[in-house]
Amino acid sequence: MSTSERQRSGLWGRVVDVSLSLWSAPAWVRIWVFVFLVPVNFWAVGVWLVMGHPLPAWLSLAWLFVVIINCWIALTERGVSKITSATHLIVWLPGWAYAIWWLMEGTLSGHLLVFAWAYAVIIGICNLFDLYDTFRWIRGERDVLGKEA
């Protein structure tokens, strides 16, 4: 017997639906998100707290914006759709460019330099995925991950 709509009402029901939606993603997507994307963003927060440099500070704030907006979208839609890619682009394209600018500036060193390169590579790849998914959303693919059409 499946969970009824009554059992999944309210905010907790929406959280459950979003969780189920996330876990219905292909394995490679879950690996990408939880092994690369989330850790590089947590790394930004850590580097910011330890070093106080503006690069990880701005990237941490960008991540916070994405989390807040995408949580709102996912809770509203009761799952994850391609529109969340657009919010990534709004924030991560400028964030990626900012990281590249600091790398080209040549003033980063040590842990901050390693972080900037890792961020530039991982978010650069993510931006390519997000461009593709945003284009697909614009063309009409509005499905919510894990829900039947």
C-alpha atoms as a PDB file:
ATOM      1  CA  MET A   1       0.000   0.000   0.000  1.00  0.00           C
ATOM      2  CA  SER A   2       1.438   3.357  -0.971  1.00  0.00           C
ATOM      3  CA  THR A   3       1.416   6.439   1.170  1.00  0.00           C
ATOM      4  CA  SER A   4      -1.794   8.375   0.692  1.00  0.00           C
ATOM      5  CA  GLU A   5      -2.044  12.098   0.019  1.00  0.00           C
ATOM      6  CA  ARG A   6      -3.499  12.541   3.502  1.00  0.00           C
ATOM      7  CA  GLN A   7      -0.434  10.966   5.092  1.00  0.00           C
ATOM      8  CA  ARG A   8       1.847  13.243   3.053  1.00  0.00           C
ATOM      9  CA  SER A   9       0.101  16.514   3.704  1.00  0.00           C
ATOM     10  CA  GLY A  10       1.796  19.569   5.097  1.00  0.00           C
ATOM     11  CA  LEU A  11       5.429  20.593   5.099  1.00  0.00           C
ATOM     12  CA  TRP A  12       6.706  17.178   6.203  1.00  0.00           C
ATOM     13  CA  GLY A  13       4.867  15.560   3.289  1.00  0.00           C
ATOM     14  CA  ARG A  14       6.546  17.967   0.898  1.00  0.00           C
ATOM     15  CA  VAL A  15       9.968  17.204   2.431  1.00  0.00           C
ATOM     16  CA  VAL A  16       9.332  13.478   1.961  1.00  0.00           C
ATOM     17  CA  ASP A  17       8.281  14.034  -1.665  1.00  0.00           C
ATOM     18  CA  VAL A  18      11.404  16.122  -2.377  1.00  0.00           C
ATOM     19  CA  SER A  19      13.618  13.456  -0.767  1.00  0.00           C
ATOM     20  CA  LEU A  20      12.025  10.710  -2.827  1.00  0.00           C
ATOM     21  CA  SER A  21      12.438  12.854  -5.931  1.00  0.00           C
ATOM     22  CA  LEU A  22      16.153  13.371  -5.242  1.00  0.00           C
ATOM     23  CA  TRP A  23      16.735   9.671  -4.638  1.00  0.00           C
ATOM     24  CA  SER A  24      14.985   8.781  -7.887  1.00  0.00           C
ATOM     25  CA  ALA A  25      17.745  10.548  -9.841  1.00  0.00           C
ATOM     26  CA  PRO A  26      20.147   8.318 -11.765  1.00  0.00           C
ATOM     27  CA  ALA A  27      23.063   7.024  -9.683  1.00  0.00           C
ATOM     28  CA  TRP A  28      25.624   9.117 -11.559  1.00  0.00           C
ATOM     29  CA  VAL A  29      23.658  12.302 -10.761  1.00  0.00           C
ATOM     30  CA  ARG A  30      23.519  11.443  -7.048  1.00  0.00           C
ATOM     31  CA  ILE A  31      27.256  10.673  -7.084  1.00  0.00           C
ATOM     32  CA  TRP A  32      27.997  13.961  -8.863  1.00  0.00           C
ATOM     33  CA  VAL A  33      25.918  15.973  -6.387  1.00  0.00           C
ATOM     34  CA  PHE A  34      26.969  14.283  -3.151  1.00  0.00           C
ATOM     35  CA  VAL A  35      30.621  13.479  -3.954  1.00  0.00           C
ATOM     36  CA  PHE A  36      31.624  16.612  -5.882  1.00  0.00           C
ATOM     37  CA  LEU A  37      29.088  19.454  -5.868  1.00  0.00           C
ATOM     38  CA  VAL A  38      28.026  19.558  -2.214  1.00  0.00           C
ATOM     39  CA  PRO A  39      31.564  19.001  -0.858  1.00  0.00           C
ATOM     40  CA  VAL A  40      33.117  21.796  -2.959  1.00  0.00           C
ATOM     41  CA  ASN A  41      30.458  24.179  -1.656  1.00  0.00           C
ATOM     42  CA  PHE A  42      31.014  23.097   1.960  1.00  0.00           C
ATOM     43  CA  TRP A  43      34.729  23.521   1.275  1.00  0.00           C
ATOM     44  CA  ALA A  44      34.012  27.126   0.254  1.00  0.00           C
ATOM     45  CA  VAL A  45      32.341  27.748   3.612  1.00  0.00           C
ATOM     46  CA  GLY A  46      35.281  26.199   5.473  1.00  0.00           C
ATOM     47  CA  VAL A  47      37.888  28.182   3.537  1.00  0.00           C
ATOM     48  CA  TRP A  48      35.895  31.364   4.116  1.00  0.00           C
ATOM     49  CA  LEU A  49      35.652  30.746   7.877  1.00  0.00           C
ATOM     50  CA  VAL A  50      39.359  29.920   8.166  1.00  0.00           C
ATOM     51  CA  MET A  51      40.862  32.448   5.754  1.00  0.00           C
ATOM     52  CA  GLY A  52      38.297  35.207   5.429  1.00  0.00           C
ATOM     53  CA  HIS A  53      39.170  35.689   1.746  1.00  0.00           C
ATOM     54  CA  PRO A  54      36.509  37.322  -0.480  1.00  0.00           C
ATOM     55  CA  LEU A  55      36.487  34.475  -3.052  1.00  0.00           C
ATOM     56  CA  PRO A  56      35.115  31.735  -0.759  1.00  0.00           C
ATOM     57  CA  ALA A  57      32.979  34.323   1.037  1.00  0.00           C
ATOM     58  CA  TRP A  58      31.091  35.232  -2.146  1.00  0.00           C
ATOM     59  CA  LEU A  59      30.919  31.612  -3.294  1.00  0.00           C
ATOM     60  CA  SER A  60      29.475  30.569   0.079  1.00  0.00           C
ATOM     61  CA  LEU A  61      26.829  33.268  -0.138  1.00  0.00           C
ATOM     62  CA  ALA A  62      26.038  32.182  -3.698  1.00  0.00           C
ATOM     63  CA  TRP A  63      25.550  28.606  -2.494  1.00  0.00           C
ATOM     64  CA  LEU A  64      23.268  29.800   0.289  1.00  0.00           C
ATOM     65  CA  PHE A  65      21.155  31.664  -2.283  1.00  0.00           C
ATOM     66  CA  VAL A  66      20.911  28.551  -4.482  1.00  0.00           C
ATOM     67  CA  VAL A  67      19.952  26.352  -1.511  1.00  0.00           C
ATOM     68  CA  ILE A  68      17.225  28.727  -0.346  1.00  0.00           C
ATOM     69  CA  ILE A  69      15.703  29.313  -3.790  1.00  0.00           C
ATOM     70  CA  ASN A  70      15.930  25.674  -4.894  1.00  0.00           C
ATOM     71  CA  CYS A  71      14.478  24.412  -1.610  1.00  0.00           C
ATOM     72  CA  TRP A  72      11.532  26.747  -2.118  1.00  0.00           C
ATOM     73  CA  ILE A  73      11.101  25.567  -5.724  1.00  0.00           C
ATOM     74  CA  ALA A  74      11.418  21.884  -4.794  1.00  0.00           C
ATOM     75  CA  LEU A  75       8.986  22.186  -1.879  1.00  0.00           C
ATOM     76  CA  THR A  76       6.516  24.041  -4.103  1.00  0.00           C
ATOM     77  CA  GLU A  77       6.786  21.436  -6.879  1.00  0.00           C
ATOM     78  CA  ARG A  78       7.016  18.546  -4.380  1.00  0.00           C
ATOM     79  CA  GLY A  79      10.187  17.409  -6.149  1.00  0.00           C
ATOM     80  CA  VAL A  80      13.110  18.470  -8.308  1.00  0.00           C
ATOM     81  CA  SER A  81      12.712  19.706 -11.878  1.00  0.00           C
ATOM     82  CA  LYS A  82      14.984  21.266 -14.472  1.00  0.00           C
ATOM     83  CA  ILE A  83      14.048  24.810 -13.399  1.00  0.00           C
ATOM     84  CA  THR A  84      16.468  24.433 -10.479  1.00  0.00           C
ATOM     85  CA  SER A  85      19.252  24.459 -13.075  1.00  0.00           C
ATOM     86  CA  ALA A  86      18.372  28.030 -14.011  1.00  0.00           C
ATOM     87  CA  THR A  87      18.947  29.250 -10.448  1.00  0.00           C
ATOM     88  CA  HIS A  88      22.329  27.524 -10.493  1.00  0.00           C
ATOM     89  CA  LEU A  89      23.252  29.437 -13.642  1.00  0.00           C
ATOM     90  CA  ILE A  90      22.117  32.781 -12.258  1.00  0.00           C
ATOM     91  CA  VAL A  91      24.572  32.383  -9.384  1.00  0.00           C
ATOM     92  CA  TRP A  92      27.239  29.914 -10.506  1.00  0.00           C
ATOM     93  CA  LEU A  93      28.125  31.454 -13.861  1.00  0.00           C
ATOM     94  CA  PRO A  94      29.189  34.694 -12.137  1.00  0.00           C
ATOM     95  CA  GLY A  95      30.755  32.666  -9.284  1.00  0.00           C
ATOM     96  CA  TRP A  96      32.722  30.602 -11.777  1.00  0.00           C
ATOM     97  CA  ALA A  97      33.869  33.762 -13.569  1.00  0.00           C
ATOM     98  CA  TYR A  98      34.894  35.278 -10.218  1.00  0.00           C
ATOM     99  CA  ALA A  99      36.963  32.182  -9.378  1.00  0.00           C
ATOM    100  CA  ILE A 100      38.603  32.295 -12.818  1.00  0.00           C
ATOM    101  CA  TRP A 101      39.368  35.992 -12.305  1.00  0.00           C
ATOM    102  CA  TRP A 102      41.143  35.212  -9.017  1.00  0.00           C
ATOM    103  CA  LEU A 103      43.067  32.382 -10.678  1.00  0.00           C
ATOM    104  CA  MET A 104      44.170  34.694 -13.494  1.00  0.00           C
ATOM    105  CA  GLU A 105      45.102  37.373 -10.969  1.00  0.00           C
ATOM    106  CA  GLY A 106      47.857  35.045  -9.743  1.00  0.00           C
ATOM    107  CA  THR A 107      47.692  36.102  -6.084  1.00  0.00           C
ATOM    108  CA  LEU A 108      46.209  32.903  -4.631  1.00  0.00           C
ATOM    109  CA  SER A 109      48.453  30.340  -2.980  1.00  0.00           C
ATOM    110  CA  GLY A 110      48.332  27.173  -0.913  1.00  0.00           C
ATOM    111  CA  HIS A 111      44.975  25.811   0.133  1.00  0.00           C
ATOM    112  CA  LEU A 112      43.108  28.756  -1.379  1.00  0.00           C
ATOM    113  CA  LEU A 113      44.678  28.115  -4.787  1.00  0.00           C
ATOM    114  CA  VAL A 114      43.757  24.405  -4.662  1.00  0.00           C
ATOM    115  CA  PHE A 115      40.220  25.306  -3.618  1.00  0.00           C
ATOM    116  CA  ALA A 116      39.861  27.875  -6.436  1.00  0.00           C
ATOM    117  CA  TRP A 117      40.961  25.338  -9.060  1.00  0.00           C
ATOM    118  CA  ALA A 118      38.671  22.621  -7.681  1.00  0.00           C
ATOM    119  CA  TYR A 119      35.751  25.036  -7.590  1.00  0.00           C
ATOM    120  CA  ALA A 120      36.427  26.303 -11.115  1.00  0.00           C
ATOM    121  CA  VAL A 121      36.540  22.761 -12.522  1.00  0.00           C
ATOM    122  CA  ILE A 122      33.562  21.327 -10.602  1.00  0.00           C
ATOM    123  CA  ILE A 123      31.281  24.344 -11.011  1.00  0.00           C
ATOM    124  CA  GLY A 124      32.410  24.718 -14.634  1.00  0.00           C
ATOM    125  CA  ILE A 125      31.203  21.158 -15.330  1.00  0.00           C
ATOM    126  CA  CYS A 126      28.035  21.814 -13.342  1.00  0.00           C
ATOM    127  CA  ASN A 127      27.350  24.938 -15.420  1.00  0.00           C
ATOM    128  CA  LEU A 128      27.472  22.836 -18.596  1.00  0.00           C
ATOM    129  CA  PHE A 129      24.903  20.391 -17.164  1.00  0.00           C
ATOM    130  CA  ASP A 130      22.788  23.318 -15.977  1.00  0.00           C
ATOM    131  CA  LEU A 131      22.875  25.076 -19.370  1.00  0.00           C
ATOM    132  CA  TYR A 132      21.606  21.880 -20.995  1.00  0.00           C
ATOM    133  CA  ASP A 133      18.861  21.317 -18.392  1.00  0.00           C
ATOM    134  CA  THR A 134      17.768  24.966 -18.449  1.00  0.00           C
ATOM    135  CA  PHE A 135      17.505  24.804 -22.245  1.00  0.00           C
ATOM    136  CA  ARG A 136      15.388  21.648 -21.908  1.00  0.00           C
ATOM    137  CA  TRP A 137      13.142  23.363 -19.335  1.00  0.00           C
ATOM    138  CA  ILE A 138      12.676  26.358 -21.646  1.00  0.00           C
ATOM    139  CA  ARG A 139      11.702  23.934 -24.441  1.00  0.00           C
ATOM    140  CA  GLY A 140       8.928  22.558 -22.237  1.00  0.00           C
ATOM    141  CA  GLU A 141      10.376  19.680 -20.179  1.00  0.00           C
ATOM    142  CA  ARG A 142       8.665  20.493 -16.893  1.00  0.00           C
ATOM    143  CA  ASP A 143       8.591  16.993 -15.382  1.00  0.00           C
ATOM    144  CA  VAL A 144       9.347  16.597 -11.686  1.00  0.00           C
ATOM    145  CA  LEU A 145      11.983  13.940 -11.085  1.00  0.00           C
ATOM    146  CA  GLY A 146      10.477  10.716  -9.797  1.00  0.00           C
ATOM    147  CA  LYS A 147       6.883  11.585 -10.658  1.00  0.00           C
ATOM    148  CA  GLU A 148       4.991   9.918 -13.427  1.00  0.00           C
ATOM    149  CA  ALA A 149       4.073  12.146 -16.342  1.00  0.00           C
END
